[in-house]
Amino acid sequence: ELVAGISSGGSTRYASSVRGRFTISRDNAKNTVYLQMNSL
C-alpha cells in the first residue's frame, strides 16, 4: 500500500493511517526522498 507520496511540485499525500505521524520530504540535490516516521 501507498503510505505517503510527494509530487514533482512538492505537494504531499498520506494514507489516513499515517497522517499526522509521518512526513515525506525530498532533497533534489542529493537525489534522495525521506520518510520521517514518528509515534510509531
Full PDB file with SEQRES, HELIX, SHEET, SSBOND, CRYST1, ORIGX, SCALE, CONECT and MASTER records, all heavy atoms in Angstrom:
SEQRES   1 A   40  GLU LEU VAL ALA GLY ILE SER SER GLY GLY SER THR ARG          
SEQRES   2 A   40  TYR ALA SER SER VAL ARG GLY ARG PHE THR ILE SER ARG          
SEQRES   3 A   40  ASP ASN ALA LYS ASN THR VAL TYR LEU GLN MET ASN SER          
SEQRES   4 A   40  LEU                                                          
HELIX    1 AA1 ASN A   28  LYS A   30  5                                   3    
SHEET    1 AA1 2 ALA A   4  ILE A   6  0                                        
SHEET    2 AA1 2 THR A  12  TYR A  14 -1                                        
SHEET    1 AA2 2 PHE A  22  ASP A  27  0                                        
SHEET    2 AA2 2 THR A  32  MET A  37 -1                                        
CRYST1    1.000    1.000    1.000  90.00  90.00  90.00 P 1           1          
ORIGX1      1.000000  0.000000  0.000000        0.00000                         
ORIGX2      0.000000  1.000000  0.000000        0.00000                         
ORIGX3      0.000000  0.000000  1.000000        0.00000                         
SCALE1      1.000000  0.000000  0.000000        0.00000                         
SCALE2      0.000000  1.000000  0.000000        0.00000                         
SCALE3      0.000000  0.000000  1.000000        0.00000                         
ATOM      1  N   GLU A   1       0.814  -1.200   0.000  1.00  0.00           N  
ATOM      2  CA  GLU A   1       0.000   0.000   0.000  1.00  0.00           C  
ATOM      3  C   GLU A   1       0.854   1.258   0.000  1.00  0.00           C  
ATOM      4  O   GLU A   1       1.950   1.283   0.553  1.00  0.00           O  
ATOM      5  CB  GLU A   1      -0.933   0.021   1.222  1.00  0.00           C  
ATOM      6  CG  GLU A   1      -0.193   0.053   2.556  1.00  0.00           C  
ATOM      7  CD  GLU A   1      -1.115   0.215   3.754  1.00  0.00           C  
ATOM      8  OE1 GLU A   1      -2.282   0.604   3.568  1.00  0.00           O  
ATOM      9  OE2 GLU A   1      -0.662  -0.048   4.891  1.00  0.00           O  
ATOM     10  N   LEU A   2       0.329   2.297  -0.613  1.00  0.00           N  
ATOM     11  CA  LEU A   2       0.981   3.605  -0.609  1.00  0.00           C  
ATOM     12  C   LEU A   2       0.679   4.297   0.711  1.00  0.00           C  
ATOM     13  O   LEU A   2      -0.483   4.462   1.074  1.00  0.00           O  
ATOM     14  CB  LEU A   2       0.489   4.452  -1.780  1.00  0.00           C  
ATOM     15  CG  LEU A   2       1.052   5.864  -1.894  1.00  0.00           C  
ATOM     16  CD1 LEU A   2       2.533   5.830  -2.252  1.00  0.00           C  
ATOM     17  CD2 LEU A   2       0.271   6.672  -2.925  1.00  0.00           C  
ATOM     18  N   VAL A   3       1.711   4.714   1.416  1.00  0.00           N  
ATOM     19  CA  VAL A   3       1.509   5.393   2.693  1.00  0.00           C  
ATOM     20  C   VAL A   3       1.802   6.884   2.613  1.00  0.00           C  
ATOM     21  O   VAL A   3       1.241   7.661   3.396  1.00  0.00           O  
ATOM     22  CB  VAL A   3       2.342   4.757   3.824  1.00  0.00           C  
ATOM     23  CG1 VAL A   3       1.905   3.316   4.052  1.00  0.00           C  
ATOM     24  CG2 VAL A   3       3.838   4.810   3.524  1.00  0.00           C  
ATOM     25  N   ALA A   4       2.660   7.303   1.695  1.00  0.00           N  
ATOM     26  CA  ALA A   4       2.985   8.718   1.545  1.00  0.00           C  
ATOM     27  C   ALA A   4       3.542   8.969   0.160  1.00  0.00           C  
ATOM     28  O   ALA A   4       4.236   8.118  -0.396  1.00  0.00           O  
ATOM     29  CB  ALA A   4       3.991   9.178   2.608  1.00  0.00           C  
ATOM     30  N   GLY A   5       3.251  10.133  -0.400  1.00  0.00           N  
ATOM     31  CA  GLY A   5       3.769  10.489  -1.706  1.00  0.00           C  
ATOM     32  C   GLY A   5       4.060  11.967  -1.796  1.00  0.00           C  
ATOM     33  O   GLY A   5       3.469  12.773  -1.071  1.00  0.00           O  
ATOM     34  N   ILE A   6       4.977  12.316  -2.685  1.00  0.00           N  
ATOM     35  CA  ILE A   6       5.312  13.716  -2.930  1.00  0.00           C  
ATOM     36  C   ILE A   6       5.442  13.918  -4.433  1.00  0.00           C  
ATOM     37  O   ILE A   6       6.111  13.151  -5.120  1.00  0.00           O  
ATOM     38  CB  ILE A   6       6.592  14.135  -2.171  1.00  0.00           C  
ATOM     39  CG1 ILE A   6       6.862  15.632  -2.352  1.00  0.00           C  
ATOM     40  CG2 ILE A   6       7.793  13.295  -2.587  1.00  0.00           C  
ATOM     41  CD1 ILE A   6       7.921  16.162  -1.389  1.00  0.00           C  
ATOM     42  N   SER A   7       4.782  14.934  -4.961  1.00  0.00           N  
ATOM     43  CA  SER A   7       4.796  15.208  -6.388  1.00  0.00           C  
ATOM     44  C   SER A   7       6.041  15.978  -6.779  1.00  0.00           C  
ATOM     45  O   SER A   7       6.797  16.461  -5.931  1.00  0.00           O  
ATOM     46  CB  SER A   7       3.544  15.990  -6.786  1.00  0.00           C  
ATOM     47  OG  SER A   7       3.634  17.331  -6.341  1.00  0.00           O  
ATOM     48  N   SER A   8       6.249  16.108  -8.096  1.00  0.00           N  
ATOM     49  CA  SER A   8       7.378  16.894  -8.580  1.00  0.00           C  
ATOM     50  C   SER A   8       7.272  18.351  -8.149  1.00  0.00           C  
ATOM     51  O   SER A   8       8.291  19.038  -8.038  1.00  0.00           O  
ATOM     52  CB  SER A   8       7.473  16.804 -10.102  1.00  0.00           C  
ATOM     53  OG  SER A   8       6.299  17.287 -10.727  1.00  0.00           O  
ATOM     54  N   GLY A   9       6.050  18.818  -7.903  1.00  0.00           N  
ATOM     55  CA  GLY A   9       5.836  20.176  -7.446  1.00  0.00           C  
ATOM     56  C   GLY A   9       5.895  20.346  -5.946  1.00  0.00           C  
ATOM     57  O   GLY A   9       5.805  21.471  -5.450  1.00  0.00           O  
ATOM     58  N   GLY A  10       6.028  19.242  -5.216  1.00  0.00           N  
ATOM     59  CA  GLY A  10       6.179  19.315  -3.777  1.00  0.00           C  
ATOM     60  C   GLY A  10       4.925  19.059  -2.963  1.00  0.00           C  
ATOM     61  O   GLY A  10       4.987  19.077  -1.729  1.00  0.00           O  
ATOM     62  N   SER A  11       3.790  18.838  -3.619  1.00  0.00           N  
ATOM     63  CA  SER A  11       2.584  18.530  -2.866  1.00  0.00           C  
ATOM     64  C   SER A  11       2.668  17.118  -2.301  1.00  0.00           C  
ATOM     65  O   SER A  11       3.275  16.231  -2.902  1.00  0.00           O  
ATOM     66  CB  SER A  11       1.342  18.688  -3.739  1.00  0.00           C  
ATOM     67  OG  SER A  11       1.377  17.777  -4.828  1.00  0.00           O  
ATOM     68  N   THR A  12       2.067  16.907  -1.150  1.00  0.00           N  
ATOM     69  CA  THR A  12       2.169  15.624  -0.463  1.00  0.00           C  
ATOM     70  C   THR A  12       0.809  14.988  -0.260  1.00  0.00           C  
ATOM     71  O   THR A  12      -0.226  15.659  -0.261  1.00  0.00           O  
ATOM     72  CB  THR A  12       2.869  15.778   0.894  1.00  0.00           C  
ATOM     73  OG1 THR A  12       2.138  16.714   1.701  1.00  0.00           O  
ATOM     74  CG2 THR A  12       4.293  16.286   0.718  1.00  0.00           C  
ATOM     75  N   ARG A  13       0.818  13.681  -0.074  1.00  0.00           N  
ATOM     76  CA  ARG A  13      -0.382  12.917   0.203  1.00  0.00           C  
ATOM     77  C   ARG A  13      -0.029  11.822   1.198  1.00  0.00           C  
ATOM     78  O   ARG A  13       1.094  11.305   1.196  1.00  0.00           O  
ATOM     79  CB  ARG A  13      -0.961  12.313  -1.079  1.00  0.00           C  
ATOM     80  CG  ARG A  13       0.025  11.423  -1.819  1.00  0.00           C  
ATOM     81  CD  ARG A  13      -0.435  11.077  -3.217  1.00  0.00           C  
ATOM     82  NE  ARG A  13      -1.435  10.027  -3.240  1.00  0.00           N  
ATOM     83  CZ  ARG A  13      -1.889   9.443  -4.352  1.00  0.00           C  
ATOM     84  NH1 ARG A  13      -1.415   9.832  -5.541  1.00  0.00           N  
ATOM     85  NH2 ARG A  13      -2.804   8.497  -4.291  1.00  0.00           N  
ATOM     86  N   TYR A  14      -0.982  11.452   2.036  1.00  0.00           N  
ATOM     87  CA  TYR A  14      -0.741  10.456   3.066  1.00  0.00           C  
ATOM     88  C   TYR A  14      -1.947   9.550   3.217  1.00  0.00           C  
ATOM     89  O   TYR A  14      -3.099   9.979   3.076  1.00  0.00           O  
ATOM     90  CB  TYR A  14      -0.461  11.110   4.421  1.00  0.00           C  
ATOM     91  CG  TYR A  14       0.757  11.998   4.443  1.00  0.00           C  
ATOM     92  CD1 TYR A  14       0.652  13.366   4.209  1.00  0.00           C  
ATOM     93  CD2 TYR A  14       2.020  11.467   4.698  1.00  0.00           C  
ATOM     94  CE1 TYR A  14       1.768  14.180   4.217  1.00  0.00           C  
ATOM     95  CE2 TYR A  14       3.142  12.274   4.708  1.00  0.00           C  
ATOM     96  CZ  TYR A  14       3.014  13.624   4.470  1.00  0.00           C  
ATOM     97  OH  TYR A  14       4.131  14.427   4.483  1.00  0.00           O  
ATOM     98  N   ALA A  15      -1.673   8.302   3.524  1.00  0.00           N  
ATOM     99  CA  ALA A  15      -2.740   7.407   3.924  1.00  0.00           C  
ATOM    100  C   ALA A  15      -3.289   7.873   5.268  1.00  0.00           C  
ATOM    101  O   ALA A  15      -2.554   8.408   6.104  1.00  0.00           O  
ATOM    102  CB  ALA A  15      -2.223   5.974   4.030  1.00  0.00           C  
ATOM    103  N   SER A  16      -4.578   7.673   5.476  1.00  0.00           N  
ATOM    104  CA  SER A  16      -5.195   8.131   6.710  1.00  0.00           C  
ATOM    105  C   SER A  16      -4.558   7.500   7.946  1.00  0.00           C  
ATOM    106  O   SER A  16      -4.515   8.114   9.019  1.00  0.00           O  
ATOM    107  CB  SER A  16      -6.694   7.842   6.689  1.00  0.00           C  
ATOM    108  OG  SER A  16      -6.950   6.454   6.567  1.00  0.00           O  
ATOM    109  N   SER A  17      -4.034   6.298   7.801  1.00  0.00           N  
ATOM    110  CA  SER A  17      -3.447   5.591   8.931  1.00  0.00           C  
ATOM    111  C   SER A  17      -2.149   6.211   9.431  1.00  0.00           C  
ATOM    112  O   SER A  17      -1.739   5.946  10.567  1.00  0.00           O  
ATOM    113  CB  SER A  17      -3.206   4.125   8.563  1.00  0.00           C  
ATOM    114  OG  SER A  17      -2.349   4.020   7.441  1.00  0.00           O  
ATOM    115  N   VAL A  18      -1.495   7.027   8.601  1.00  0.00           N  
ATOM    116  CA  VAL A  18      -0.212   7.612   8.988  1.00  0.00           C  
ATOM    117  C   VAL A  18      -0.238   9.130   9.029  1.00  0.00           C  
ATOM    118  O   VAL A  18       0.733   9.745   9.492  1.00  0.00           O  
ATOM    119  CB  VAL A  18       0.931   7.148   8.061  1.00  0.00           C  
ATOM    120  CG1 VAL A  18       0.971   5.631   7.964  1.00  0.00           C  
ATOM    121  CG2 VAL A  18       0.800   7.770   6.675  1.00  0.00           C  
ATOM    122  N   ARG A  19      -1.311   9.733   8.570  1.00  0.00           N  
ATOM    123  CA  ARG A  19      -1.399  11.185   8.527  1.00  0.00           C  
ATOM    124  C   ARG A  19      -1.237  11.776   9.927  1.00  0.00           C  
ATOM    125  O   ARG A  19      -1.861  11.325  10.882  1.00  0.00           O  
ATOM    126  CB  ARG A  19      -2.722  11.627   7.911  1.00  0.00           C  
ATOM    127  CG  ARG A  19      -2.817  13.132   7.662  1.00  0.00           C  
ATOM    128  CD  ARG A  19      -4.104  13.503   6.912  1.00  0.00           C  
ATOM    129  NE  ARG A  19      -4.125  12.963   5.558  1.00  0.00           N  
ATOM    130  CZ  ARG A  19      -4.952  12.016   5.149  1.00  0.00           C  
ATOM    131  NH1 ARG A  19      -5.843  11.493   5.985  1.00  0.00           N  
ATOM    132  NH2 ARG A  19      -4.896  11.581   3.906  1.00  0.00           N  
ATOM    133  N   GLY A  20      -0.377  12.788  10.029  1.00  0.00           N  
ATOM    134  CA  GLY A  20      -0.088  13.403  11.308  1.00  0.00           C  
ATOM    135  C   GLY A  20       1.082  12.788  12.029  1.00  0.00           C  
ATOM    136  O   GLY A  20       1.595  13.382  12.989  1.00  0.00           O  
ATOM    137  N   ARG A  21       1.517  11.607  11.602  1.00  0.00           N  
ATOM    138  CA  ARG A  21       2.649  10.924  12.225  1.00  0.00           C  
ATOM    139  C   ARG A  21       3.858  10.832  11.293  1.00  0.00           C  
ATOM    140  O   ARG A  21       4.993  10.881  11.762  1.00  0.00           O  
ATOM    141  CB  ARG A  21       2.252   9.520  12.669  1.00  0.00           C  
ATOM    142  CG  ARG A  21       1.129   9.492  13.692  1.00  0.00           C  
ATOM    143  CD  ARG A  21       0.914   8.085  14.238  1.00  0.00           C  
ATOM    144  NE  ARG A  21       0.468   7.158  13.195  1.00  0.00           N  
ATOM    145  CZ  ARG A  21       1.140   6.072  12.828  1.00  0.00           C  
ATOM    146  NH1 ARG A  21       2.290   5.762  13.408  1.00  0.00           N  
ATOM    147  NH2 ARG A  21       0.655   5.270  11.882  1.00  0.00           N  
ATOM    148  N   PHE A  22       3.611  10.668   9.999  1.00  0.00           N  
ATOM    149  CA  PHE A  22       4.680  10.531   9.010  1.00  0.00           C  
ATOM    150  C   PHE A  22       4.789  11.802   8.183  1.00  0.00           C  
ATOM    151  O   PHE A  22       3.782  12.466   7.906  1.00  0.00           O  
ATOM    152  CB  PHE A  22       4.405   9.360   8.061  1.00  0.00           C  
ATOM    153  CG  PHE A  22       4.479   7.993   8.688  1.00  0.00           C  
ATOM    154  CD1 PHE A  22       4.611   7.812  10.057  1.00  0.00           C  
ATOM    155  CD2 PHE A  22       4.412   6.869   7.879  1.00  0.00           C  
ATOM    156  CE1 PHE A  22       4.673   6.547  10.622  1.00  0.00           C  
ATOM    157  CE2 PHE A  22       4.472   5.596   8.424  1.00  0.00           C  
ATOM    158  CZ  PHE A  22       4.601   5.434   9.788  1.00  0.00           C  
ATOM    159  N   THR A  23       6.006  12.117   7.757  1.00  0.00           N  
ATOM    160  CA  THR A  23       6.251  13.258   6.888  1.00  0.00           C  
ATOM    161  C   THR A  23       7.201  12.853   5.768  1.00  0.00           C  
ATOM    162  O   THR A  23       8.291  12.352   6.033  1.00  0.00           O  
ATOM    163  CB  THR A  23       6.856  14.441   7.651  1.00  0.00           C  
ATOM    164  OG1 THR A  23       5.992  14.821   8.733  1.00  0.00           O  
ATOM    165  CG2 THR A  23       7.036  15.638   6.719  1.00  0.00           C  
ATOM    166  N   ILE A  24       6.784  13.068   4.527  1.00  0.00           N  
ATOM    167  CA  ILE A  24       7.635  12.786   3.383  1.00  0.00           C  
ATOM    168  C   ILE A  24       8.273  14.089   2.909  1.00  0.00           C  
ATOM    169  O   ILE A  24       7.639  15.143   2.905  1.00  0.00           O  
ATOM    170  CB  ILE A  24       6.843  12.106   2.243  1.00  0.00           C  
ATOM    171  CG1 ILE A  24       7.784  11.641   1.124  1.00  0.00           C  
ATOM    172  CG2 ILE A  24       5.749  13.011   1.705  1.00  0.00           C  
ATOM    173  CD1 ILE A  24       7.099  10.754   0.083  1.00  0.00           C  
ATOM    174  N   SER A  25       9.537  14.019   2.514  1.00  0.00           N  
ATOM    175  CA  SER A  25      10.244  15.188   2.019  1.00  0.00           C  
ATOM    176  C   SER A  25      11.238  14.762   0.945  1.00  0.00           C  
ATOM    177  O   SER A  25      11.516  13.576   0.774  1.00  0.00           O  
ATOM    178  CB  SER A  25      10.953  15.937   3.155  1.00  0.00           C  
ATOM    179  OG  SER A  25      11.918  15.111   3.779  1.00  0.00           O  
ATOM    180  N   ARG A  26      11.771  15.738   0.237  1.00  0.00           N  
ATOM    181  CA  ARG A  26      12.639  15.458  -0.908  1.00  0.00           C  
ATOM    182  C   ARG A  26      13.802  16.429  -0.940  1.00  0.00           C  
ATOM    183  O   ARG A  26      13.640  17.625  -0.672  1.00  0.00           O  
ATOM    184  CB  ARG A  26      11.810  15.559  -2.193  1.00  0.00           C  
ATOM    185  CG  ARG A  26      12.551  15.256  -3.478  1.00  0.00           C  
ATOM    186  CD  ARG A  26      11.627  15.479  -4.667  1.00  0.00           C  
ATOM    187  NE  ARG A  26      11.241  16.882  -4.770  1.00  0.00           N  
ATOM    188  CZ  ARG A  26      10.056  17.304  -5.181  1.00  0.00           C  
ATOM    189  NH1 ARG A  26       9.119  16.427  -5.518  1.00  0.00           N  
ATOM    190  NH2 ARG A  26       9.797  18.595  -5.250  1.00  0.00           N  
ATOM    191  N   ASP A  27      14.982  15.924  -1.280  1.00  0.00           N  
ATOM    192  CA  ASP A  27      16.167  16.746  -1.489  1.00  0.00           C  
ATOM    193  C   ASP A  27      16.671  16.436  -2.890  1.00  0.00           C  
ATOM    194  O   ASP A  27      17.372  15.450  -3.101  1.00  0.00           O  
ATOM    195  CB  ASP A  27      17.235  16.460  -0.440  1.00  0.00           C  
ATOM    196  CG  ASP A  27      18.399  17.432  -0.506  1.00  0.00           C  
ATOM    197  OD1 ASP A  27      18.676  17.982  -1.588  1.00  0.00           O  
ATOM    198  OD2 ASP A  27      19.051  17.641   0.532  1.00  0.00           O  
ATOM    199  N   ASN A  28      16.307  17.266  -3.855  1.00  0.00           N  
ATOM    200  CA  ASN A  28      16.659  17.003  -5.249  1.00  0.00           C  
ATOM    201  C   ASN A  28      18.169  17.007  -5.479  1.00  0.00           C  
ATOM    202  O   ASN A  28      18.677  16.236  -6.294  1.00  0.00           O  
ATOM    203  CB  ASN A  28      15.997  18.029  -6.163  1.00  0.00           C  
ATOM    204  CG  ASN A  28      14.498  17.891  -6.216  1.00  0.00           C  
ATOM    205  OD1 ASN A  28      13.940  16.845  -5.873  1.00  0.00           O  
ATOM    206  ND2 ASN A  28      13.813  18.941  -6.650  1.00  0.00           N  
ATOM    207  N   ALA A  29      18.887  17.876  -4.780  1.00  0.00           N  
ATOM    208  CA  ALA A  29      20.336  17.952  -4.941  1.00  0.00           C  
ATOM    209  C   ALA A  29      21.023  16.659  -4.535  1.00  0.00           C  
ATOM    210  O   ALA A  29      22.064  16.299  -5.086  1.00  0.00           O  
ATOM    211  CB  ALA A  29      20.897  19.124  -4.147  1.00  0.00           C  
ATOM    212  N   LYS A  30      20.453  15.966  -3.560  1.00  0.00           N  
ATOM    213  CA  LYS A  30      21.014  14.705  -3.085  1.00  0.00           C  
ATOM    214  C   LYS A  30      20.343  13.489  -3.710  1.00  0.00           C  
ATOM    215  O   LYS A  30      20.699  12.358  -3.386  1.00  0.00           O  
ATOM    216  CB  LYS A  30      20.908  14.617  -1.563  1.00  0.00           C  
ATOM    217  CG  LYS A  30      21.725  15.663  -0.824  1.00  0.00           C  
ATOM    218  CD  LYS A  30      21.604  15.492   0.678  1.00  0.00           C  
ATOM    219  CE  LYS A  30      22.453  16.503   1.418  1.00  0.00           C  
ATOM    220  NZ  LYS A  30      22.336  16.352   2.891  1.00  0.00           N  
ATOM    221  N   ASN A  31      19.375  13.717  -4.587  1.00  0.00           N  
ATOM    222  CA  ASN A  31      18.629  12.627  -5.225  1.00  0.00           C  
ATOM    223  C   ASN A  31      18.055  11.672  -4.183  1.00  0.00           C  
ATOM    224  O   ASN A  31      18.114  10.445  -4.344  1.00  0.00           O  
ATOM    225  CB  ASN A  31      19.521  11.865  -6.204  1.00  0.00           C  
ATOM    226  CG  ASN A  31      20.039  12.731  -7.325  1.00  0.00           C  
ATOM    227  OD1 ASN A  31      19.309  13.567  -7.864  1.00  0.00           O  
ATOM    228  ND2 ASN A  31      21.293  12.544  -7.699  1.00  0.00           N  
ATOM    229  N   THR A  32      17.486  12.236  -3.135  1.00  0.00           N  
ATOM    230  CA  THR A  32      17.024  11.436  -2.011  1.00  0.00           C  
ATOM    231  C   THR A  32      15.649  11.908  -1.541  1.00  0.00           C  
ATOM    232  O   THR A  32      15.391  13.110  -1.469  1.00  0.00           O  
ATOM    233  CB  THR A  32      18.011  11.497  -0.838  1.00  0.00           C  
ATOM    234  OG1 THR A  32      19.302  11.036  -1.277  1.00  0.00           O  
ATOM    235  CG2 THR A  32      17.554  10.620   0.313  1.00  0.00           C  
ATOM    236  N   VAL A  33      14.791  10.951  -1.236  1.00  0.00           N  
ATOM    237  CA  VAL A  33      13.498  11.204  -0.625  1.00  0.00           C  
ATOM    238  C   VAL A  33      13.496  10.567   0.758  1.00  0.00           C  
ATOM    239  O   VAL A  33      14.011   9.456   0.938  1.00  0.00           O  
ATOM    240  CB  VAL A  33      12.350  10.653  -1.484  1.00  0.00           C  
ATOM    241  CG1 VAL A  33      11.021  10.731  -0.738  1.00  0.00           C  
ATOM    242  CG2 VAL A  33      12.260  11.421  -2.792  1.00  0.00           C  
ATOM    243  N   TYR A  34      12.916  11.258   1.726  1.00  0.00           N  
ATOM    244  CA  TYR A  34      12.912  10.796   3.107  1.00  0.00           C  
ATOM    245  C   TYR A  34      11.495  10.533   3.589  1.00  0.00           C  
ATOM    246  O   TYR A  34      10.525  11.109   3.090  1.00  0.00           O  
ATOM    247  CB  TYR A  34      13.551  11.840   4.025  1.00  0.00           C  
ATOM    248  CG  TYR A  34      14.949  12.237   3.631  1.00  0.00           C  
ATOM    249  CD1 TYR A  34      15.181  13.376   2.866  1.00  0.00           C  
ATOM    250  CD2 TYR A  34      16.043  11.471   4.026  1.00  0.00           C  
ATOM    251  CE1 TYR A  34      16.461  13.746   2.502  1.00  0.00           C  
ATOM    252  CE2 TYR A  34      17.330  11.834   3.664  1.00  0.00           C  
ATOM    253  CZ  TYR A  34      17.535  12.971   2.906  1.00  0.00           C  
ATOM    254  OH  TYR A  34      18.813  13.325   2.550  1.00  0.00           O  
ATOM    255  N   LEU A  35      11.394   9.675   4.575  1.00  0.00           N  
ATOM    256  CA  LEU A  35      10.141   9.468   5.286  1.00  0.00           C  
ATOM    257  C   LEU A  35      10.442   9.521   6.773  1.00  0.00           C  
ATOM    258  O   LEU A  35      11.052   8.595   7.321  1.00  0.00           O  
ATOM    259  CB  LEU A  35       9.493   8.138   4.918  1.00  0.00           C  
ATOM    260  CG  LEU A  35       8.118   7.889   5.548  1.00  0.00           C  
ATOM    261  CD1 LEU A  35       7.092   8.869   4.992  1.00  0.00           C  
ATOM    262  CD2 LEU A  35       7.661   6.448   5.320  1.00  0.00           C  
ATOM    263  N   GLN A  36      10.033  10.606   7.414  1.00  0.00           N  
ATOM    264  CA  GLN A  36      10.165  10.728   8.855  1.00  0.00           C  
ATOM    265  C   GLN A  36       8.960  10.074   9.506  1.00  0.00           C  
ATOM    266  O   GLN A  36       7.822  10.445   9.228  1.00  0.00           O  
ATOM    267  CB  GLN A  36      10.249  12.199   9.269  1.00  0.00           C  
ATOM    268  CG  GLN A  36      10.381  12.423  10.768  1.00  0.00           C  
ATOM    269  CD  GLN A  36      11.679  11.901  11.327  1.00  0.00           C  
ATOM    270  OE1 GLN A  36      12.744  12.148  10.763  1.00  0.00           O  
ATOM    271  NE2 GLN A  36      11.598  11.172  12.435  1.00  0.00           N  
ATOM    272  N   MET A  37       9.204   9.099  10.355  1.00  0.00           N  
ATOM    273  CA  MET A  37       8.156   8.310  10.972  1.00  0.00           C  
ATOM    274  C   MET A  37       8.193   8.528  12.484  1.00  0.00           C  
ATOM    275  O   MET A  37       9.146   8.129  13.145  1.00  0.00           O  
ATOM    276  CB  MET A  37       8.340   6.824  10.655  1.00  0.00           C  
ATOM    277  CG  MET A  37       8.542   6.540   9.167  1.00  0.00           C  
ATOM    278  SD  MET A  37       9.184   4.879   8.837  1.00  0.00           S  
ATOM    279  CE  MET A  37       7.803   3.884   9.361  1.00  0.00           C  
ATOM    280  N   ASN A  38       7.163   9.168  13.013  1.00  0.00           N  
ATOM    281  CA  ASN A  38       7.055   9.441  14.439  1.00  0.00           C  
ATOM    282  C   ASN A  38       5.874   8.696  15.038  1.00  0.00           C  
ATOM    283  O   ASN A  38       4.980   8.249  14.327  1.00  0.00           O  
ATOM    284  CB  ASN A  38       6.898  10.940  14.688  1.00  0.00           C  
ATOM    285  CG  ASN A  38       8.073  11.757  14.200  1.00  0.00           C  
ATOM    286  OD1 ASN A  38       9.219  11.316  14.252  1.00  0.00           O  
ATOM    287  ND2 ASN A  38       7.799  12.968  13.736  1.00  0.00           N  
ATOM    288  N   SER A  39       5.868   8.600  16.358  1.00  0.00           N  
ATOM    289  CA  SER A  39       4.774   7.947  17.081  1.00  0.00           C  
ATOM    290  C   SER A  39       4.452   6.586  16.484  1.00  0.00           C  
ATOM    291  O   SER A  39       3.294   6.248  16.246  1.00  0.00           O  
ATOM    292  CB  SER A  39       3.536   8.844  17.076  1.00  0.00           C  
ATOM    293  OG  SER A  39       3.812  10.097  17.668  1.00  0.00           O  
ATOM    294  N   LEU A  40       5.472   5.796  16.261  1.00  0.00           N  
ATOM    295  CA  LEU A  40       5.300   4.519  15.586  1.00  0.00           C  
ATOM    296  C   LEU A  40       4.463   3.546  16.407  1.00  0.00           C  
ATOM    297  O   LEU A  40       4.540   3.518  17.638  1.00  0.00           O  
ATOM    298  CB  LEU A  40       6.661   3.908  15.266  1.00  0.00           C  
ATOM    299  CG  LEU A  40       7.363   4.555  14.069  1.00  0.00           C  
ATOM    300  CD1 LEU A  40       8.841   4.210  14.067  1.00  0.00           C  
ATOM    301  CD2 LEU A  40       6.711   4.102  12.763  1.00  0.00           C  
TER     302      LEU A  40                                                      
MASTER        0    0    0    1    4    0    0    6  301    1    0    4          
END                                                                             
